[in-house]
Protein backbone atom coordinates (compact mmCIF):
# COMPACT_ATOMS: atom_id res chain seq x y z
CA UNK A 1 -4.21 23.97 33.64
CA UNK A 2 -3.61 25.06 36.83
CA UNK A 3 -2.80 28.59 35.70
CA UNK A 4 -5.96 28.71 34.36
CA UNK A 5 -4.95 28.42 30.65
CA UNK A 6 -6.85 26.15 28.05
CA UNK A 7 -4.99 24.49 25.14
CA UNK A 8 -5.71 22.51 22.77
CA UNK A 9 -4.86 18.69 22.97
CA UNK A 10 -3.50 17.96 19.66
CA UNK A 11 -1.43 21.04 19.98
CA UNK A 12 -0.49 22.36 23.13
CA UNK A 13 0.62 25.33 21.42
CA UNK A 14 -2.87 26.62 20.66
CA UNK A 15 -4.43 28.76 23.24
CA UNK A 16 -8.41 27.96 23.38
CA UNK A 17 -8.58 31.54 24.86
CA UNK A 18 -7.24 33.56 22.14
CA UNK A 19 -10.33 35.38 19.84
CA UNK A 20 -9.38 33.47 16.88
CA UNK A 21 -9.76 30.10 18.20
CA UNK A 22 -13.50 31.63 19.33
CA UNK A 23 -13.56 32.42 15.53
CA UNK A 24 -13.20 28.99 14.55
CA UNK A 25 -15.93 27.91 17.52
CA UNK A 26 -19.00 30.40 15.81
CA UNK A 27 -17.78 28.90 12.27
CA UNK A 28 -17.97 25.51 13.61
CA UNK A 29 -21.25 25.44 14.93
CA UNK A 30 -22.46 27.51 12.09
CA UNK A 31 -21.21 24.69 9.53
CA UNK A 32 -22.58 22.10 11.84
CA UNK A 33 -25.99 23.23 11.23
CA UNK A 34 -25.41 23.78 7.91
CA UNK A 35 -24.35 20.44 6.64
CA UNK A 36 -26.26 17.99 8.67
CA UNK A 37 -29.07 19.87 9.18
CA UNK A 38 -29.73 22.13 6.14
CA UNK A 39 -28.52 20.15 3.16
CA UNK A 40 -31.08 16.96 3.92
CA UNK A 41 -33.43 19.78 4.58
CA UNK A 42 -32.68 21.33 0.87
CA UNK A 43 -32.64 17.63 -0.47
CA UNK A 44 -35.66 17.38 0.75
CA UNK A 45 -37.10 20.49 -0.55
CA UNK A 46 -35.63 19.90 -4.07
CA UNK A 47 -36.56 16.12 -4.29
CA UNK A 48 -40.10 16.39 -2.90
CA UNK A 49 -41.51 19.79 -4.85
CA UNK A 50 -40.23 18.12 -8.10
CA UNK A 51 -41.24 14.53 -7.52
CA UNK A 52 -43.77 14.37 -10.67
CA UNK A 53 -41.47 15.08 -12.66
CA UNK A 54 -38.69 12.83 -11.04
CA UNK A 55 -41.35 9.94 -11.24
CA UNK A 56 -41.66 10.23 -15.19
CA UNK A 57 -39.78 7.39 -17.42
CA UNK A 58 -35.97 7.83 -17.37
CA UNK A 59 -35.77 8.61 -20.81
CA UNK A 60 -38.66 11.86 -19.99
CA UNK A 61 -37.29 13.30 -17.21
CA UNK A 62 -33.47 13.24 -18.48
CA UNK A 63 -34.46 15.73 -21.26
CA UNK A 64 -36.55 17.60 -18.94
CA UNK A 65 -35.16 21.44 -18.76
CA UNK A 66 -36.35 21.64 -15.24
CA UNK A 67 -34.64 18.90 -13.76
CA UNK A 68 -31.38 19.57 -15.36
CA UNK A 69 -29.73 21.42 -12.14
CA UNK A 70 -30.94 18.25 -9.71
CA UNK A 71 -29.86 15.24 -11.68
CA UNK A 72 -27.31 13.89 -9.39
CA UNK A 73 -30.00 13.63 -6.87
CA UNK A 74 -32.03 11.19 -8.73
CA UNK A 75 -30.47 9.83 -12.04
CA UNK A 76 -29.08 6.93 -10.69
CA UNK A 77 -32.29 5.98 -9.15
CA UNK A 78 -35.47 4.49 -10.27
CA UNK A 79 -38.31 6.65 -10.94
CA UNK A 80 -40.28 5.44 -7.97
CA UNK A 81 -37.26 5.93 -5.80
CA UNK A 82 -36.81 9.52 -6.29
CA UNK A 83 -36.62 9.78 -2.29
CA UNK A 84 -33.45 7.47 -2.05
CA UNK A 85 -30.85 10.23 -1.92
CA UNK A 86 -32.53 11.44 1.14
CA UNK A 87 -32.43 8.31 2.85
CA UNK A 88 -28.87 7.68 1.88
CA UNK A 89 -27.86 11.38 3.06
CA UNK A 90 -29.50 10.11 6.36
CA UNK A 91 -28.02 6.88 6.34
CA UNK A 92 -24.17 8.52 6.14
CA UNK A 93 -25.15 11.39 8.51
CA UNK A 94 -26.02 8.36 11.18
CA UNK A 95 -22.93 6.17 10.83
CA UNK A 96 -20.65 9.36 10.58
CA UNK A 97 -21.88 12.19 13.05
CA UNK A 98 -24.29 10.35 15.27
CA UNK A 99 -22.70 7.35 15.66
CA UNK A 100 -19.51 9.28 17.09
CA UNK A 101 -21.06 10.46 19.96
CA UNK A 102 -22.84 7.55 21.19
CA UNK A 103 -20.74 6.65 23.62
CA UNK A 104 -17.55 6.16 21.80
CA UNK A 105 -15.82 3.07 22.27
CA UNK A 106 -18.38 0.84 23.68
CA UNK A 107 -20.27 -2.00 22.88
CA UNK A 108 -23.57 0.34 22.28
CA UNK A 109 -21.80 2.51 20.11
CA UNK A 110 -21.39 -0.58 17.89
CA UNK A 111 -24.84 -2.14 18.56
CA UNK A 112 -26.32 1.20 17.36
CA UNK A 113 -24.02 1.29 14.32
CA UNK A 114 -25.33 -2.44 13.54
CA UNK A 115 -28.88 -1.43 13.83
CA UNK A 116 -28.21 1.31 11.30
CA UNK A 117 -26.35 -0.73 8.92
CA UNK A 118 -29.02 -3.78 9.60
CA UNK A 119 -31.88 -1.56 8.66
CA UNK A 120 -30.08 0.51 5.65
CA UNK A 121 -29.17 -3.54 4.39
CA UNK A 122 -33.16 -4.13 4.55
CA UNK A 123 -34.25 -0.89 2.68
CA UNK A 124 -31.54 -1.19 0.28
CA UNK A 125 -32.47 -5.18 -0.30
CA UNK A 126 -36.19 -4.26 -0.37
CA UNK A 127 -36.26 -1.33 -2.77
CA UNK A 128 -33.57 -2.24 -5.10
CA UNK A 129 -33.63 1.82 -5.85
CA UNK A 130 -30.58 1.97 -8.54
CA UNK A 131 -31.57 1.53 -12.31
CA UNK A 132 -28.03 -0.61 -12.73
CA UNK A 133 -28.60 -4.18 -11.28
CA UNK A 134 -24.89 -3.85 -10.36
CA UNK A 135 -25.30 -0.82 -8.16
CA UNK A 136 -28.33 -2.88 -6.28
CA UNK A 137 -26.31 -5.55 -5.41
CA UNK A 138 -22.84 -3.13 -4.57
CA UNK A 139 -25.28 -1.07 -2.49
CA UNK A 140 -26.31 -4.49 -0.40
CA UNK A 141 -22.75 -5.49 -0.27
CA UNK A 142 -21.72 -2.09 0.95
CA UNK A 143 -23.77 -2.14 3.79
CA UNK A 144 -23.51 -5.36 4.94
CA UNK A 145 -19.85 -5.24 5.05
CA UNK A 146 -20.33 -2.29 7.55
CA UNK A 147 -22.56 -4.53 9.73
CA UNK A 148 -20.42 -7.11 9.55
CA UNK A 149 -17.35 -5.04 10.45
CA UNK A 150 -19.10 -3.64 13.37
CA UNK A 151 -19.89 -7.29 14.25
CA UNK A 152 -16.23 -8.45 14.36
CA UNK A 153 -15.50 -4.93 16.37
CA UNK A 154 -18.01 -6.33 18.89
CA UNK A 155 -16.78 -9.79 19.18
CA UNK A 156 -13.16 -8.61 19.68
CA UNK A 157 -14.32 -5.66 21.98
CA UNK A 158 -15.92 -8.71 24.03
CA UNK A 159 -13.21 -11.11 23.91
CA UNK A 160 -10.51 -8.42 25.51
CA UNK A 161 -13.17 -7.86 28.12
CA UNK A 162 -13.46 -11.38 28.65
CA UNK A 163 -9.66 -11.42 28.80
CA UNK A 164 -9.20 -8.44 31.29
CA UNK A 165 -11.93 -10.20 33.74
CA UNK A 166 -9.41 -13.34 33.40
CA UNK A 167 -6.38 -11.77 34.39
CA UNK A 168 -8.13 -10.11 37.22
CA UNK A 169 -9.11 -13.08 38.78
CA UNK A 170 -5.71 -14.98 38.29
CA UNK A 171 -4.51 -12.01 40.68
CA UNK A 172 -7.14 -12.29 43.11
CA UNK A 173 -6.28 -15.91 43.60
CA UNK A 174 -2.42 -15.37 44.00
CA UNK A 175 -3.37 -13.41 46.80
CA UNK A 176 -4.99 -16.22 48.70
């Protein structure tokens, strides 16, 4: 603002110059490193260091006491797909975090989303990582759905751009 003030866009009652706001900015930056970077690193370390135990038959690994606290990372997957939770966490981070900063609202953002979901669909279809066949089908269908949503959004965006370009041409002809 002209008076040098800085205010939150969502709530002009909150000043960005207050000490409490600065504390929340520091907190947000710390959390930004802990979740999107720290959690995948922890998943990778936890799974990689135990991969020989995880790759055992499902019945054997379910009874292994060394794996009891880590089952949420691999119990739904086939033994050879011990790494799949790392991949899926990366996929979710790309679709939610990274995709949000790629030219928001543009076709390039949608194309990046289509690329991410297309590659994910291929990985799900190739590996079929889940123990349950239904889960494999659901994973593939879910990724195809994300891809198709992006295709429809891109088509709608293109249609709108064509309409806007047509409106501009009409105005030009009216002037002649």
